[in-house]
Amino acid sequence: MQHNTIEASAMATTLPRNLVAFQQHGTLSFLAPRATGSTAAHRPARRILGREDLLDRLEVMGELGPTAPLSFLLVEVEAPGTPARGVIEAVAERTAGLVRAIDAVGLFGPDTVGVALQGSGMTAAGAVAGRLSLHLNHALAEMAPGHRARVHAATGCGLNALTLPLAACDELDDIC
């Protein structure tokens, strides 16, 4: 596992999923294992979190960087009926392959996947939401015809960590 380098005077704190945060002169830098391949297909499998673990991870991100940008995306899978659990899990796995190693992905509701984007403001969250929508809808067309993914986003800063999921799912009252 390779890591970026940082000055020895930095203080390290271990985060969930083997991420390391270094606080140096009031600025947070996050280090994560680098992907060994050039595409998502070559990345090692990542653990998909449950709702509570995802919200805990989002809270930790907010505490580590209260003024740093933070975003939360919800990927809603729409289907003619209730989407099968296997389809939601496949969407979560695909989503994990499309975001950075420092971001957290988890099953948020019966038909939704949540994504915590660490250090991502409005522009970056919009770009990730667009990329997820494109790739996930293409994958769903092949794996589960009749299904589609809608991506909802909320951005703020670390201080807003616990309100971001509510903002992202404003129109999804059944899961929030």
Protein backbone atom coordinates (compact mmCIF):
# COMPACT_ATOMS: atom_id res chain seq x y z
CA MET A 1 0.00 0.00 0.00
CA GLN A 2 1.44 3.38 -1.01
CA HIS A 3 0.75 6.67 0.72
CA ASN A 4 1.53 10.24 -0.11
CA THR A 5 4.28 11.75 2.03
CA ILE A 6 3.83 14.40 4.70
CA GLU A 7 6.12 16.15 7.18
CA ALA A 8 7.04 14.16 10.27
CA SER A 9 5.74 16.91 12.54
CA ALA A 10 2.14 16.23 11.49
CA MET A 11 -0.27 14.56 13.88
CA ALA A 12 -2.03 11.43 12.54
CA THR A 13 -5.47 10.13 13.43
CA THR A 14 -6.77 6.80 12.16
CA LEU A 15 -10.19 6.93 10.50
CA PRO A 16 -12.56 4.12 9.61
CA ARG A 17 -11.62 2.03 6.57
CA ASN A 18 -7.89 2.57 7.04
CA LEU A 19 -7.85 6.22 5.99
CA VAL A 20 -5.45 8.55 7.69
CA ALA A 21 -5.99 12.25 8.32
CA PHE A 22 -3.10 14.56 9.07
CA GLN A 23 -3.68 17.96 10.66
CA GLN A 24 -0.91 20.34 9.78
CA HIS A 25 -1.10 24.05 10.60
CA GLY A 26 -4.92 23.97 10.66
CA THR A 27 -5.26 22.29 7.26
CA LEU A 28 -6.41 18.71 6.89
CA SER A 29 -4.88 16.38 4.33
CA PHE A 30 -6.34 12.96 3.75
CA LEU A 31 -4.28 10.02 2.66
CA ALA A 32 -5.68 6.82 1.26
CA PRO A 33 -4.28 3.78 -0.46
CA ARG A 34 -3.67 4.49 -4.13
CA ALA A 35 -5.53 2.38 -6.66
CA THR A 36 -3.16 -0.09 -8.30
CA GLY A 37 -4.87 -0.08 -11.70
CA SER A 38 -5.86 2.63 -14.10
CA THR A 39 -9.57 1.78 -14.19
CA ALA A 40 -12.28 0.99 -11.67
CA ALA A 41 -12.22 -2.66 -12.77
CA HIS A 42 -8.72 -3.00 -11.31
CA ARG A 43 -9.56 -1.49 -7.93
CA PRO A 44 -9.87 -3.79 -4.95
CA ALA A 45 -13.41 -4.36 -3.66
CA ARG A 46 -14.50 -1.76 -1.11
CA ARG A 47 -16.73 -2.34 1.84
CA ILE A 48 -20.22 -0.93 1.40
CA LEU A 49 -21.37 0.66 4.64
CA GLY A 50 -24.79 0.44 6.26
CA ARG A 51 -26.84 3.59 6.90
CA GLU A 52 -25.61 4.17 10.47
CA ASP A 53 -21.96 3.56 9.56
CA LEU A 54 -22.26 5.93 6.61
CA LEU A 55 -23.77 8.66 8.80
CA ASP A 56 -21.05 8.07 11.44
CA ARG A 57 -18.38 8.40 8.74
CA LEU A 58 -19.99 11.62 7.48
CA GLU A 59 -19.99 12.98 11.03
CA VAL A 60 -16.27 12.16 11.44
CA MET A 61 -15.51 13.91 8.14
CA GLY A 62 -17.37 16.97 9.41
CA GLU A 63 -15.57 16.99 12.74
CA LEU A 64 -12.14 16.71 11.11
CA GLY A 65 -12.78 19.61 8.76
CA PRO A 66 -15.53 21.88 10.12
CA THR A 67 -14.83 24.56 7.50
CA ALA A 68 -13.79 22.23 4.68
CA PRO A 69 -16.23 21.54 1.83
CA LEU A 70 -18.36 18.43 2.30
CA SER A 71 -21.08 16.97 0.08
CA PHE A 72 -23.59 14.16 0.31
CA LEU A 73 -25.16 12.43 -2.68
CA LEU A 74 -28.14 10.12 -2.74
CA VAL A 75 -28.51 7.71 -5.63
CA GLU A 76 -32.17 6.75 -5.90
CA VAL A 77 -32.95 3.65 -7.96
CA GLU A 78 -36.36 3.89 -9.59
CA ALA A 79 -38.11 0.78 -10.87
CA PRO A 80 -41.58 -0.24 -12.03
CA GLY A 81 -41.91 -2.03 -8.67
CA THR A 82 -39.62 -2.18 -5.68
CA PRO A 83 -36.00 -2.64 -6.83
CA ALA A 84 -34.50 -5.97 -5.81
CA ARG A 85 -31.91 -5.92 -3.03
CA GLY A 86 -29.35 -7.35 -5.46
CA VAL A 87 -29.85 -4.43 -7.84
CA ILE A 88 -29.34 -1.89 -5.03
CA GLU A 89 -26.19 -3.71 -3.88
CA ALA A 90 -24.86 -3.80 -7.45
CA VAL A 91 -25.50 -0.04 -7.76
CA ALA A 92 -23.64 0.51 -4.45
CA GLU A 93 -20.66 -1.54 -5.68
CA ARG A 94 -20.59 0.31 -9.00
CA THR A 95 -20.87 3.64 -7.17
CA ALA A 96 -17.93 2.72 -4.92
CA GLY A 97 -15.86 2.09 -8.04
CA LEU A 98 -16.70 5.51 -9.44
CA VAL A 99 -15.75 7.67 -6.45
CA ARG A 100 -12.43 8.34 -4.73
CA ALA A 101 -11.01 6.06 -2.05
CA ILE A 102 -11.50 8.79 0.58
CA ASP A 103 -15.24 8.99 -0.11
CA ALA A 104 -17.71 6.75 1.73
CA VAL A 105 -20.48 4.72 0.06
CA GLY A 106 -23.31 2.98 1.86
CA LEU A 107 -26.82 1.59 1.54
CA PHE A 108 -28.99 4.44 2.78
CA GLY A 109 -32.52 3.15 2.29
CA PRO A 110 -34.37 0.31 0.59
CA ASP A 111 -33.86 1.91 -2.83
CA THR A 112 -31.06 4.42 -2.22
CA VAL A 113 -27.29 4.53 -1.93
CA GLY A 114 -25.57 7.36 -0.03
CA VAL A 115 -22.19 8.86 -0.88
CA ALA A 116 -20.19 11.17 1.41
CA LEU A 117 -17.78 13.27 -0.66
CA GLN A 118 -14.97 14.52 1.54
CA GLY A 119 -13.52 17.90 0.55
CA SER A 120 -15.93 18.33 -2.38
CA GLY A 121 -17.85 21.55 -2.88
CA MET A 122 -20.68 22.39 -5.24
CA THR A 123 -18.75 22.09 -8.51
CA ALA A 124 -17.07 18.80 -7.64
CA ALA A 125 -20.30 17.32 -6.25
CA GLY A 126 -22.12 18.30 -9.45
CA ALA A 127 -19.44 16.63 -11.56
CA VAL A 128 -19.59 13.44 -9.47
CA ALA A 129 -23.40 13.44 -9.61
CA GLY A 130 -23.30 13.75 -13.40
CA ARG A 131 -20.72 10.98 -13.73
CA LEU A 132 -22.69 8.67 -11.42
CA SER A 133 -25.94 9.35 -13.28
CA LEU A 134 -24.37 8.59 -16.65
CA HIS A 135 -22.51 5.42 -15.64
CA LEU A 136 -25.18 3.99 -13.34
CA ASN A 137 -27.99 4.49 -15.86
CA HIS A 138 -25.89 2.80 -18.54
CA ALA A 139 -25.19 -0.14 -16.19
CA LEU A 140 -28.84 -0.39 -15.10
CA ALA A 141 -30.02 -0.48 -18.73
CA GLU A 142 -27.93 -3.64 -19.21
CA MET A 143 -28.42 -5.33 -15.84
CA ALA A 144 -32.00 -4.36 -14.90
CA PRO A 145 -34.04 -2.95 -17.80
CA GLY A 146 -36.76 -0.57 -16.64
CA HIS A 147 -34.67 0.74 -13.73
CA ARG A 148 -33.01 4.15 -13.63
CA ALA A 149 -30.84 6.09 -11.22
CA ARG A 150 -31.55 9.64 -10.07
CA VAL A 151 -28.79 11.43 -8.16
CA HIS A 152 -29.62 14.08 -5.54
CA ALA A 153 -26.86 16.23 -4.02
CA ALA A 154 -26.36 18.56 -1.07
CA THR A 155 -23.21 20.55 -0.38
CA GLY A 156 -21.97 22.54 2.55
CA CYS A 157 -19.07 22.39 4.96
CA GLY A 158 -18.09 20.08 7.79
CA LEU A 159 -20.28 21.98 10.25
CA ASN A 160 -23.30 20.93 8.15
CA ALA A 161 -22.41 17.22 8.11
CA LEU A 162 -25.52 15.98 9.88
CA THR A 163 -27.95 18.10 7.85
CA LEU A 164 -26.56 17.22 4.40
CA PRO A 165 -28.38 13.85 4.11
CA LEU A 166 -31.68 15.56 4.95
CA ALA A 167 -31.06 18.24 2.35
CA ALA A 168 -30.16 15.64 -0.30
CA CYS A 169 -33.36 13.71 0.27
CA ASP A 170 -35.81 16.59 0.64
CA GLU A 171 -38.18 15.05 -1.89
CA LEU A 172 -37.68 11.47 -0.63
CA ASP A 173 -39.79 11.59 2.53
CA ASP A 174 -40.17 7.82 2.75
CA ILE A 175 -36.49 7.20 3.63
CA CYS A 176 -35.42 10.29 5.55
